[in-house]
PDB file of all heavy atoms in Angstrom:
ATOM      1  N   LEU A   1      36.646 105.819-101.102  1.00  0.00           N
ATOM      2  CA  LEU A   1      36.900 106.879-101.990  1.00  0.00           C
ATOM      3  C   LEU A   1      35.879 107.033-103.096  1.00  0.00           C
ATOM      4  O   LEU A   1      35.517 108.231-103.531  1.00  0.00           O
ATOM      5  CB  LEU A   1      38.376 106.754-102.581  1.00  0.00           C
ATOM      6  CG  LEU A   1      39.001 107.986-103.252  1.00  0.00           C
ATOM      7  CD1 LEU A   1      38.952 109.205-102.377  1.00  0.00           C
ATOM      8  CD2 LEU A   1      40.477 107.660-103.642  1.00  0.00           C
ATOM      9  N   ALA A   2      35.519 105.964-103.678  1.00  0.00           N
ATOM     10  CA  ALA A   2      34.486 105.975-104.633  1.00  0.00           C
ATOM     11  C   ALA A   2      33.199 106.476-103.996  1.00  0.00           C
ATOM     12  O   ALA A   2      32.400 107.287-104.590  1.00  0.00           O
ATOM     13  CB  ALA A   2      34.138 104.618-105.208  1.00  0.00           C
ATOM     14  N   PHE A   3      32.917 106.081-102.809  1.00  0.00           N
ATOM     15  CA  PHE A   3      31.727 106.701-102.101  1.00  0.00           C
ATOM     16  C   PHE A   3      31.925 108.165-101.894  1.00  0.00           C
ATOM     17  O   PHE A   3      30.856 108.897-102.035  1.00  0.00           O
ATOM     18  CB  PHE A   3      31.614 105.970-100.676  1.00  0.00           C
ATOM     19  CG  PHE A   3      30.613 106.459 -99.780  1.00  0.00           C
ATOM     20  CD1 PHE A   3      29.227 106.096-100.081  1.00  0.00           C
ATOM     21  CD2 PHE A   3      30.850 107.213 -98.691  1.00  0.00           C
ATOM     22  CE1 PHE A   3      28.184 106.568 -99.206  1.00  0.00           C
ATOM     23  CE2 PHE A   3      29.916 107.727 -97.870  1.00  0.00           C
ATOM     24  CZ  PHE A   3      28.533 107.346 -98.059  1.00  0.00           C
ATOM     25  N   LEU A   4      33.058 108.681-101.591  1.00  0.00           N
ATOM     26  CA  LEU A   4      33.312 110.094-101.471  1.00  0.00           C
ATOM     27  C   LEU A   4      32.873 110.862-102.680  1.00  0.00           C
ATOM     28  O   LEU A   4      32.267 111.956-102.687  1.00  0.00           O
ATOM     29  CB  LEU A   4      34.667 110.427-101.004  1.00  0.00           C
ATOM     30  CG  LEU A   4      35.076 111.865-100.896  1.00  0.00           C
ATOM     31  CD1 LEU A   4      34.333 112.595 -99.807  1.00  0.00           C
ATOM     32  CD2 LEU A   4      36.612 112.077-100.652  1.00  0.00           C
ATOM     33  N   VAL A   5      33.382 110.339-103.810  1.00  0.00           N
ATOM     34  CA  VAL A   5      33.107 110.949-105.132  1.00  0.00           C
ATOM     35  C   VAL A   5      31.616 111.064-105.352  1.00  0.00           C
ATOM     36  O   VAL A   5      31.060 112.128-105.778  1.00  0.00           O
ATOM     37  CB  VAL A   5      33.772 110.161-106.303  1.00  0.00           C
ATOM     38  CG1 VAL A   5      33.414 110.808-107.576  1.00  0.00           C
ATOM     39  CG2 VAL A   5      35.279 110.271-106.086  1.00  0.00           C
ATOM     40  N   VAL A   6      30.858 110.044-105.091  1.00  0.00           N
ATOM     41  CA  VAL A   6      29.409 109.959-105.346  1.00  0.00           C
ATOM     42  C   VAL A   6      28.701 110.889-104.378  1.00  0.00           C
ATOM     43  O   VAL A   6      27.697 111.497-104.741  1.00  0.00           O
ATOM     44  CB  VAL A   6      28.949 108.519-105.364  1.00  0.00           C
ATOM     45  CG1 VAL A   6      27.393 108.531-105.692  1.00  0.00           C
ATOM     46  CG2 VAL A   6      29.680 107.684-106.224  1.00  0.00           C
ATOM     47  N   VAL A   7      29.159 110.898-103.116  1.00  0.00           N
ATOM     48  CA  VAL A   7      28.478 111.779-102.165  1.00  0.00           C
ATOM     49  C   VAL A   7      28.593 113.294-102.543  1.00  0.00           C
ATOM     50  O   VAL A   7      27.699 113.996-102.414  1.00  0.00           O
ATOM     51  CB  VAL A   7      29.055 111.452-100.724  1.00  0.00           C
ATOM     52  CG1 VAL A   7      28.622 112.677 -99.773  1.00  0.00           C
ATOM     53  CG2 VAL A   7      28.519 110.176-100.198  1.00  0.00           C
ATOM     54  N   ILE A   8      29.797 113.635-102.928  1.00  0.00           N
ATOM     55  CA  ILE A   8      29.999 115.071-103.388  1.00  0.00           C
ATOM     56  C   ILE A   8      29.131 115.338-104.650  1.00  0.00           C
ATOM     57  O   ILE A   8      28.453 116.440-104.695  1.00  0.00           O
ATOM     58  CB  ILE A   8      31.411 115.261-103.696  1.00  0.00           C
ATOM     59  CG1 ILE A   8      32.307 115.188-102.336  1.00  0.00           C
ATOM     60  CG2 ILE A   8      31.693 116.728-104.246  1.00  0.00           C
ATOM     61  CD1 ILE A   8      33.754 115.470-102.487  1.00  0.00           C
ATOM     62  N   THR A   9      29.023 114.329-105.476  1.00  0.00           N
ATOM     63  CA  THR A   9      28.125 114.529-106.671  1.00  0.00           C
ATOM     64  C   THR A   9      26.679 114.662-106.199  1.00  0.00           C
ATOM     65  O   THR A   9      25.963 115.434-106.763  1.00  0.00           O
ATOM     66  CB  THR A   9      28.283 113.226-107.478  1.00  0.00           C
ATOM     67  OG1 THR A   9      29.619 113.147-108.025  1.00  0.00           O
ATOM     68  CG2 THR A   9      27.335 113.378-108.742  1.00  0.00           C
ATOM     69  N   ALA A  10      26.287 113.848-105.194  1.00  0.00           N
ATOM     70  CA  ALA A  10      24.933 113.947-104.632  1.00  0.00           C
ATOM     71  C   ALA A  10      24.630 115.265-104.050  1.00  0.00           C
ATOM     72  O   ALA A  10      23.591 115.815-104.129  1.00  0.00           O
ATOM     73  CB  ALA A  10      24.730 112.763-103.644  1.00  0.00           C
ATOM     74  N   LEU A  11      25.625 115.854-103.335  1.00  0.00           N
ATOM     75  CA  LEU A  11      25.352 117.143-102.712  1.00  0.00           C
ATOM     76  C   LEU A  11      25.234 118.237-103.804  1.00  0.00           C
ATOM     77  O   LEU A  11      24.488 119.125-103.652  1.00  0.00           O
ATOM     78  CB  LEU A  11      26.599 117.514-101.855  1.00  0.00           C
ATOM     79  CG  LEU A  11      26.845 116.622-100.518  1.00  0.00           C
ATOM     80  CD1 LEU A  11      27.995 117.038 -99.793  1.00  0.00           C
ATOM     81  CD2 LEU A  11      25.537 116.862 -99.661  1.00  0.00           C
ATOM     82  N   GLY A  12      25.910 118.063-104.935  1.00  0.00           N
ATOM     83  CA  GLY A  12      25.763 118.903-106.029  1.00  0.00           C
ATOM     84  C   GLY A  12      24.299 118.750-106.554  1.00  0.00           C
ATOM     85  O   GLY A  12      23.703 119.830-106.994  1.00  0.00           O
ATOM     86  N   ALA A  13      23.790 117.537-106.621  1.00  0.00           N
ATOM     87  CA  ALA A  13      22.456 117.364-107.146  1.00  0.00           C
ATOM     88  C   ALA A  13      21.446 117.941-106.208  1.00  0.00           C
ATOM     89  O   ALA A  13      20.371 118.477-106.537  1.00  0.00           O
ATOM     90  CB  ALA A  13      22.178 115.807-107.319  1.00  0.00           C
ATOM     91  N   VAL A  14      21.745 117.867-104.869  1.00  0.00           N
ATOM     92  CA  VAL A  14      20.851 118.537-103.834  1.00  0.00           C
ATOM     93  C   VAL A  14      20.727 119.953-104.099  1.00  0.00           C
ATOM     94  O   VAL A  14      19.674 120.616-104.171  1.00  0.00           O
ATOM     95  CB  VAL A  14      21.287 118.258-102.452  1.00  0.00           C
ATOM     96  CG1 VAL A  14      20.690 119.076-101.469  1.00  0.00           C
ATOM     97  CG2 VAL A  14      21.204 116.787-102.077  1.00  0.00           C
ATOM     98  N   SER A  15      21.917 120.656-104.300  1.00  0.00           N
ATOM     99  CA  SER A  15      21.921 122.096-104.550  1.00  0.00           C
ATOM    100  C   SER A  15      21.171 122.415-105.862  1.00  0.00           C
ATOM    101  O   SER A  15      20.475 123.369-105.949  1.00  0.00           O
ATOM    102  CB  SER A  15      23.411 122.535-104.629  1.00  0.00           C
ATOM    103  OG  SER A  15      24.089 122.354-103.443  1.00  0.00           O
ATOM    104  N   LEU A  16      21.423 121.616-106.884  1.00  0.00           N
ATOM    105  CA  LEU A  16      20.768 121.794-108.175  1.00  0.00           C
ATOM    106  C   LEU A  16      19.182 121.610-108.107  1.00  0.00           C
ATOM    107  O   LEU A  16      18.473 122.379-108.495  1.00  0.00           O
ATOM    108  CB  LEU A  16      21.209 120.797-109.236  1.00  0.00           C
ATOM    109  CG  LEU A  16      20.606 120.872-110.623  1.00  0.00           C
ATOM    110  CD1 LEU A  16      20.933 122.228-111.304  1.00  0.00           C
ATOM    111  CD2 LEU A  16      21.052 119.684-111.453  1.00  0.00           C
ATOM    112  N   GLY A  17      18.797 120.596-107.257  1.00  0.00           N
ATOM    113  CA  GLY A  17      17.343 120.412-107.031  1.00  0.00           C
ATOM    114  C   GLY A  17      16.714 121.574-106.261  1.00  0.00           C
ATOM    115  O   GLY A  17      15.616 121.976-106.667  1.00  0.00           O
ATOM    116  N   ILE A  18      17.354 122.109-105.298  1.00  0.00           N
ATOM    117  CA  ILE A  18      16.860 123.229-104.545  1.00  0.00           C
ATOM    118  C   ILE A  18      16.677 124.476-105.515  1.00  0.00           C
ATOM    119  O   ILE A  18      15.760 125.164-105.533  1.00  0.00           O
ATOM    120  CB  ILE A  18      17.718 123.525-103.360  1.00  0.00           C
ATOM    121  CG1 ILE A  18      17.545 122.383-102.297  1.00  0.00           C
ATOM    122  CG2 ILE A  18      17.306 124.868-102.748  1.00  0.00           C
ATOM    123  CD1 ILE A  18      18.378 122.628-101.061  1.00  0.00           C
ATOM    124  N   PHE A  19      17.812 124.656-106.237  1.00  0.00           N
ATOM    125  CA  PHE A  19      17.861 125.840-107.138  1.00  0.00           C
ATOM    126  C   PHE A  19      16.739 125.776-108.212  1.00  0.00           C
ATOM    127  O   PHE A  19      15.909 126.714-108.354  1.00  0.00           O
ATOM    128  CB  PHE A  19      19.170 125.909-107.815  1.00  0.00           C
ATOM    129  CG  PHE A  19      19.183 126.903-108.947  1.00  0.00           C
ATOM    130  CD1 PHE A  19      19.001 128.266-108.816  1.00  0.00           C
ATOM    131  CD2 PHE A  19      19.401 126.432-110.267  1.00  0.00           C
ATOM    132  CE1 PHE A  19      18.982 129.117-109.845  1.00  0.00           C
ATOM    133  CE2 PHE A  19      19.464 127.328-111.304  1.00  0.00           C
ATOM    134  CZ  PHE A  19      19.291 128.729-111.158  1.00  0.00           C
ATOM    135  N   LEU A  20      16.529 124.606-108.923  1.00  0.00           N
ATOM    136  CA  LEU A  20      15.574 124.607-109.870  1.00  0.00           C
ATOM    137  C   LEU A  20      14.186 124.507-109.427  1.00  0.00           C
ATOM    138  O   LEU A  20      13.196 124.997-110.034  1.00  0.00           O
ATOM    139  CB  LEU A  20      15.772 123.324-110.802  1.00  0.00           C
ATOM    140  CG  LEU A  20      17.033 123.348-111.567  1.00  0.00           C
ATOM    141  CD1 LEU A  20      17.268 122.019-112.499  1.00  0.00           C
ATOM    142  CD2 LEU A  20      17.179 124.523-112.583  1.00  0.00           C
ATOM    143  N   SER A  21      13.978 123.922-108.168  1.00  0.00           N
ATOM    144  CA  SER A  21      12.612 123.902-107.700  1.00  0.00           C
ATOM    145  C   SER A  21      12.053 125.273-107.299  1.00  0.00           C
ATOM    146  O   SER A  21      10.863 125.420-107.107  1.00  0.00           O
ATOM    147  CB  SER A  21      12.555 122.997-106.424  1.00  0.00           C
ATOM    148  OG  SER A  21      13.380 123.497-105.348  1.00  0.00           O
ATOM    149  N   THR A  22      12.939 126.226-107.089  1.00  0.00           N
ATOM    150  CA  THR A  22      12.518 127.573-106.756  1.00  0.00           C
ATOM    151  C   THR A  22      11.700 128.217-107.999  1.00  0.00           C
ATOM    152  O   THR A  22      11.023 129.208-107.841  1.00  0.00           O
ATOM    153  CB  THR A  22      13.700 128.474-106.399  1.00  0.00           C
ATOM    154  OG1 THR A  22      14.589 128.547-107.458  1.00  0.00           O
ATOM    155  CG2 THR A  22      14.333 128.026-105.185  1.00  0.00           C
ATOM    156  N   PHE A  23      11.952 127.553-109.176  1.00  0.00           N
ATOM    157  CA  PHE A  23      11.186 128.122-110.386  1.00  0.00           C
ATOM    158  C   PHE A  23      10.047 127.321-110.717  1.00  0.00           C
ATOM    159  O   PHE A  23       9.298 127.551-111.754  1.00  0.00           O
ATOM    160  CB  PHE A  23      12.178 128.084-111.634  1.00  0.00           C
ATOM    161  CG  PHE A  23      13.399 128.940-111.418  1.00  0.00           C
ATOM    162  CD1 PHE A  23      14.641 128.321-111.028  1.00  0.00           C
ATOM    163  CD2 PHE A  23      13.333 130.329-111.652  1.00  0.00           C
ATOM    164  CE1 PHE A  23      15.716 129.222-110.843  1.00  0.00           C
ATOM    165  CE2 PHE A  23      14.461 131.027-111.398  1.00  0.00           C
ATOM    166  CZ  PHE A  23      15.708 130.515-110.977  1.00  0.00           C
ATOM    167  N   ALA A  24       9.734 126.281-109.847  1.00  0.00           N
ATOM    168  CA  ALA A  24       8.537 125.404-110.222  1.00  0.00           C
ATOM    169  C   ALA A  24       7.415 125.651-109.295  1.00  0.00           C
ATOM    170  O   ALA A  24       7.564 126.035-108.119  1.00  0.00           O
ATOM    171  CB  ALA A  24       9.020 123.906-110.129  1.00  0.00           C
ATOM    172  N   ARG A  25       6.192 125.477-109.685  1.00  0.00           N
ATOM    173  CA  ARG A  25       4.972 125.622-108.997  1.00  0.00           C
ATOM    174  C   ARG A  25       4.328 124.234-108.759  1.00  0.00           C
ATOM    175  O   ARG A  25       3.521 124.131-107.792  1.00  0.00           O
ATOM    176  CB  ARG A  25       3.985 126.572-109.670  1.00  0.00           C
ATOM    177  CG  ARG A  25       4.513 127.957-109.655  1.00  0.00           C
ATOM    178  CD  ARG A  25       3.554 128.852-110.470  1.00  0.00           C
ATOM    179  NE  ARG A  25       3.975 130.234-110.526  1.00  0.00           N
ATOM    180  CZ  ARG A  25       3.794 131.170-109.554  1.00  0.00           C
ATOM    181  NH1 ARG A  25       3.088 130.849-108.506  1.00  0.00           N
ATOM    182  NH2 ARG A  25       4.219 132.413-109.724  1.00  0.00           N
ATOM    183  N   THR A  26       4.655 123.212-109.520  1.00  0.00           N
ATOM    184  CA  THR A  26       4.115 121.850-109.330  1.00  0.00           C
ATOM    185  C   THR A  26       5.185 120.848-109.481  1.00  0.00           C
ATOM    186  O   THR A  26       6.282 121.166-109.990  1.00  0.00           O
ATOM    187  CB  THR A  26       3.015 121.551-110.407  1.00  0.00           C
ATOM    188  OG1 THR A  26       3.621 121.517-111.727  1.00  0.00           O
ATOM    189  CG2 THR A  26       1.929 122.667-110.407  1.00  0.00           C
ATOM    190  N   GLU A  27       4.853 119.670-108.979  1.00  0.00           N
ATOM    191  CA  GLU A  27       5.907 118.586-109.005  1.00  0.00           C
ATOM    192  C   GLU A  27       6.191 118.305-110.519  1.00  0.00           C
ATOM    193  O   GLU A  27       7.277 117.837-110.814  1.00  0.00           O
ATOM    194  CB  GLU A  27       5.385 117.392-108.308  1.00  0.00           C
ATOM    195  CG  GLU A  27       5.317 117.563-106.764  1.00  0.00           C
ATOM    196  CD  GLU A  27       4.812 116.382-106.070  1.00  0.00           C
ATOM    197  OE1 GLU A  27       4.532 115.327-106.755  1.00  0.00           O
ATOM    198  OE2 GLU A  27       4.600 116.440-104.887  1.00  0.00           O
ATOM    199  N   LEU A  28       5.161 118.325-111.410  1.00  0.00           N
ATOM    200  CA  LEU A  28       5.424 118.061-112.785  1.00  0.00           C
ATOM    201  C   LEU A  28       6.426 119.108-113.373  1.00  0.00           C
ATOM    202  O   LEU A  28       7.277 118.667-114.209  1.00  0.00           O
ATOM    203  CB  LEU A  28       4.069 118.269-113.539  1.00  0.00           C
ATOM    204  CG  LEU A  28       4.160 118.025-115.075  1.00  0.00           C
ATOM    205  CD1 LEU A  28       4.674 116.608-115.451  1.00  0.00           C
ATOM    206  CD2 LEU A  28       2.821 118.349-115.755  1.00  0.00           C
ATOM    207  N   GLN A  29       6.428 120.267-112.917  1.00  0.00           N
ATOM    208  CA  GLN A  29       7.416 121.255-113.407  1.00  0.00           C
ATOM    209  C   GLN A  29       8.814 120.968-112.990  1.00  0.00           C
ATOM    210  O   GLN A  29       9.789 121.193-113.650  1.00  0.00           O
ATOM    211  CB  GLN A  29       7.038 122.696-112.993  1.00  0.00           C
ATOM    212  CG  GLN A  29       5.770 123.209-113.729  1.00  0.00           C
ATOM    213  CD  GLN A  29       5.424 124.650-113.342  1.00  0.00           C
ATOM    214  OE1 GLN A  29       6.029 125.186-112.443  1.00  0.00           O
ATOM    215  NE2 GLN A  29       4.381 125.109-113.949  1.00  0.00           N
ATOM    216  N   VAL A  30       9.004 120.311-111.805  1.00  0.00           N
ATOM    217  CA  VAL A  30      10.265 119.847-111.318  1.00  0.00           C
ATOM    218  C   VAL A  30      10.793 118.786-112.323  1.00  0.00           C
ATOM    219  O   VAL A  30      11.955 118.782-112.707  1.00  0.00           O
ATOM    220  CB  VAL A  30      10.119 119.369-109.889  1.00  0.00           C
ATOM    221  CG1 VAL A  30      11.568 118.664-109.509  1.00  0.00           C
ATOM    222  CG2 VAL A  30       9.901 120.529-108.913  1.00  0.00           C
ATOM    223  N   ILE A  31       9.921 117.879-112.660  1.00  0.00           N
ATOM    224  CA  ILE A  31      10.237 116.796-113.531  1.00  0.00           C
ATOM    225  C   ILE A  31      10.606 117.333-114.994  1.00  0.00           C
ATOM    226  O   ILE A  31      11.379 116.771-115.766  1.00  0.00           O
ATOM    227  CB  ILE A  31       9.201 115.712-113.661  1.00  0.00           C
ATOM    228  CG1 ILE A  31       9.021 115.109-112.253  1.00  0.00           C
ATOM    229  CG2 ILE A  31       9.390 114.623-114.645  1.00  0.00           C
ATOM    230  CD1 ILE A  31       7.815 114.212-112.171  1.00  0.00           C
ATOM    231  N   GLN A  32       9.970 118.443-115.357  1.00  0.00           N
ATOM    232  CA  GLN A  32      10.167 118.926-116.667  1.00  0.00           C
ATOM    233  C   GLN A  32      11.618 119.488-116.939  1.00  0.00           C
ATOM    234  O   GLN A  32      12.001 119.623-118.030  1.00  0.00           O
ATOM    235  CB  GLN A  32       9.143 120.179-116.853  1.00  0.00           C
ATOM    236  CG  GLN A  32       7.786 119.715-117.096  1.00  0.00           C
ATOM    237  CD  GLN A  32       6.805 120.871-117.012  1.00  0.00           C
ATOM    238  OE1 GLN A  32       7.100 122.012-116.720  1.00  0.00           O
ATOM    239  NE2 GLN A  32       5.524 120.591-117.144  1.00  0.00           N
ATOM    240  N   PHE A  33      12.316 119.714-115.803  1.00  0.00           N
ATOM    241  CA  PHE A  33      13.751 120.144-115.958  1.00  0.00           C
ATOM    242  C   PHE A  33      14.634 118.993-116.467  1.00  0.00           C
ATOM    243  O   PHE A  33      15.746 119.208-116.915  1.00  0.00           O
ATOM    244  CB  PHE A  33      14.246 120.779-114.662  1.00  0.00           C
ATOM    245  CG  PHE A  33      13.675 122.149-114.468  1.00  0.00           C
ATOM    246  CD1 PHE A  33      12.871 122.362-113.358  1.00  0.00           C
ATOM    247  CD2 PHE A  33      14.087 123.249-115.242  1.00  0.00           C
ATOM    248  CE1 PHE A  33      12.294 123.608-113.138  1.00  0.00           C
ATOM    249  CE2 PHE A  33      13.593 124.474-114.962  1.00  0.00           C
ATOM    250  CZ  PHE A  33      12.703 124.663-113.993  1.00  0.00           C
ATOM    251  N   ILE A  34      14.125 117.694-116.176  1.00  0.00           N
ATOM    252  CA  ILE A  34      15.023 116.589-116.454  1.00  0.00           C
ATOM    253  C   ILE A  34      15.521 116.491-117.908  1.00  0.00           C
ATOM    254  O   ILE A  34      16.652 116.362-118.220  1.00  0.00           O
ATOM    255  CB  ILE A  34      14.313 115.218-116.070  1.00  0.00           C
ATOM    256  CG1 ILE A  34      14.110 115.170-114.586  1.00  0.00           C
ATOM    257  CG2 ILE A  34      14.968 113.986-116.582  1.00  0.00           C
ATOM    258  CD1 ILE A  34      13.317 113.997-114.176  1.00  0.00           C
ATOM    259  N   PRO A  35      14.543 116.729-118.916  1.00  0.00           N
ATOM    260  CA  PRO A  35      15.062 116.645-120.366  1.00  0.00           C
ATOM    261  C   PRO A  35      16.084 117.747-120.648  1.00  0.00           C
ATOM    262  O   PRO A  35      16.831 117.629-121.627  1.00  0.00           O
ATOM    263  CB  PRO A  35      13.798 116.815-121.144  1.00  0.00           C
ATOM    264  CG  PRO A  35      12.696 116.360-120.308  1.00  0.00           C
ATOM    265  CD  PRO A  35      13.073 116.895-118.872  1.00  0.00           C
ATOM    266  N   LEU A  36      15.959 118.920-119.900  1.00  0.00           N
ATOM    267  CA  LEU A  36      16.783 119.954-120.244  1.00  0.00           C
ATOM    268  C   LEU A  36      18.096 119.970-119.413  1.00  0.00           C
ATOM    269  O   LEU A  36      19.156 120.579-119.920  1.00  0.00           O
ATOM    270  CB  LEU A  36      16.056 121.268-119.879  1.00  0.00           C
ATOM    271  CG  LEU A  36      14.765 121.558-120.693  1.00  0.00           C
ATOM    272  CD1 LEU A  36      14.144 122.907-120.238  1.00  0.00           C
ATOM    273  CD2 LEU A  36      14.950 121.529-122.196  1.00  0.00           C
ATOM    274  N   VAL A  37      18.178 119.379-118.317  1.00  0.00           N
ATOM    275  CA  VAL A  37      19.274 119.423-117.389  1.00  0.00           C
ATOM    276  C   VAL A  37      20.034 118.130-117.273  1.00  0.00           C
ATOM    277  O   VAL A  37      21.282 118.014-117.431  1.00  0.00           O
ATOM    278  CB  VAL A  37      18.956 120.031-115.999  1.00  0.00           C
ATOM    279  CG1 VAL A  37      20.137 119.899-115.117  1.00  0.00           C
ATOM    280  CG2 VAL A  37      18.371 121.351-116.069  1.00  0.00           C
ATOM    281  N   LEU A  38      19.228 117.039-117.095  1.00  0.00           N
ATOM    282  CA  LEU A  38      19.915 115.676-116.892  1.00  0.00           C
ATOM    283  C   LEU A  38      20.096 114.834-118.184  1.00  0.00           C
ATOM    284  O   LEU A  38      21.180 114.247-118.257  1.00  0.00           O
ATOM    285  CB  LEU A  38      19.030 114.936-115.918  1.00  0.00           C
ATOM    286  CG  LEU A  38      18.807 115.559-114.490  1.00  0.00           C
ATOM    287  CD1 LEU A  38      18.071 114.554-113.594  1.00  0.00           C
ATOM    288  CD2 LEU A  38      20.196 115.888-113.839  1.00  0.00           C
TER     289      LEU A  38
END
């Protein structure tokens, strides 16, 4: 059950990563979202 909670959380992180990466042009810009989002 703990694994289920973390997996659903991870799927949310996958969706978030795809969404934010559409606004990035370089890998550095993907990392730049960390201070603002994470």
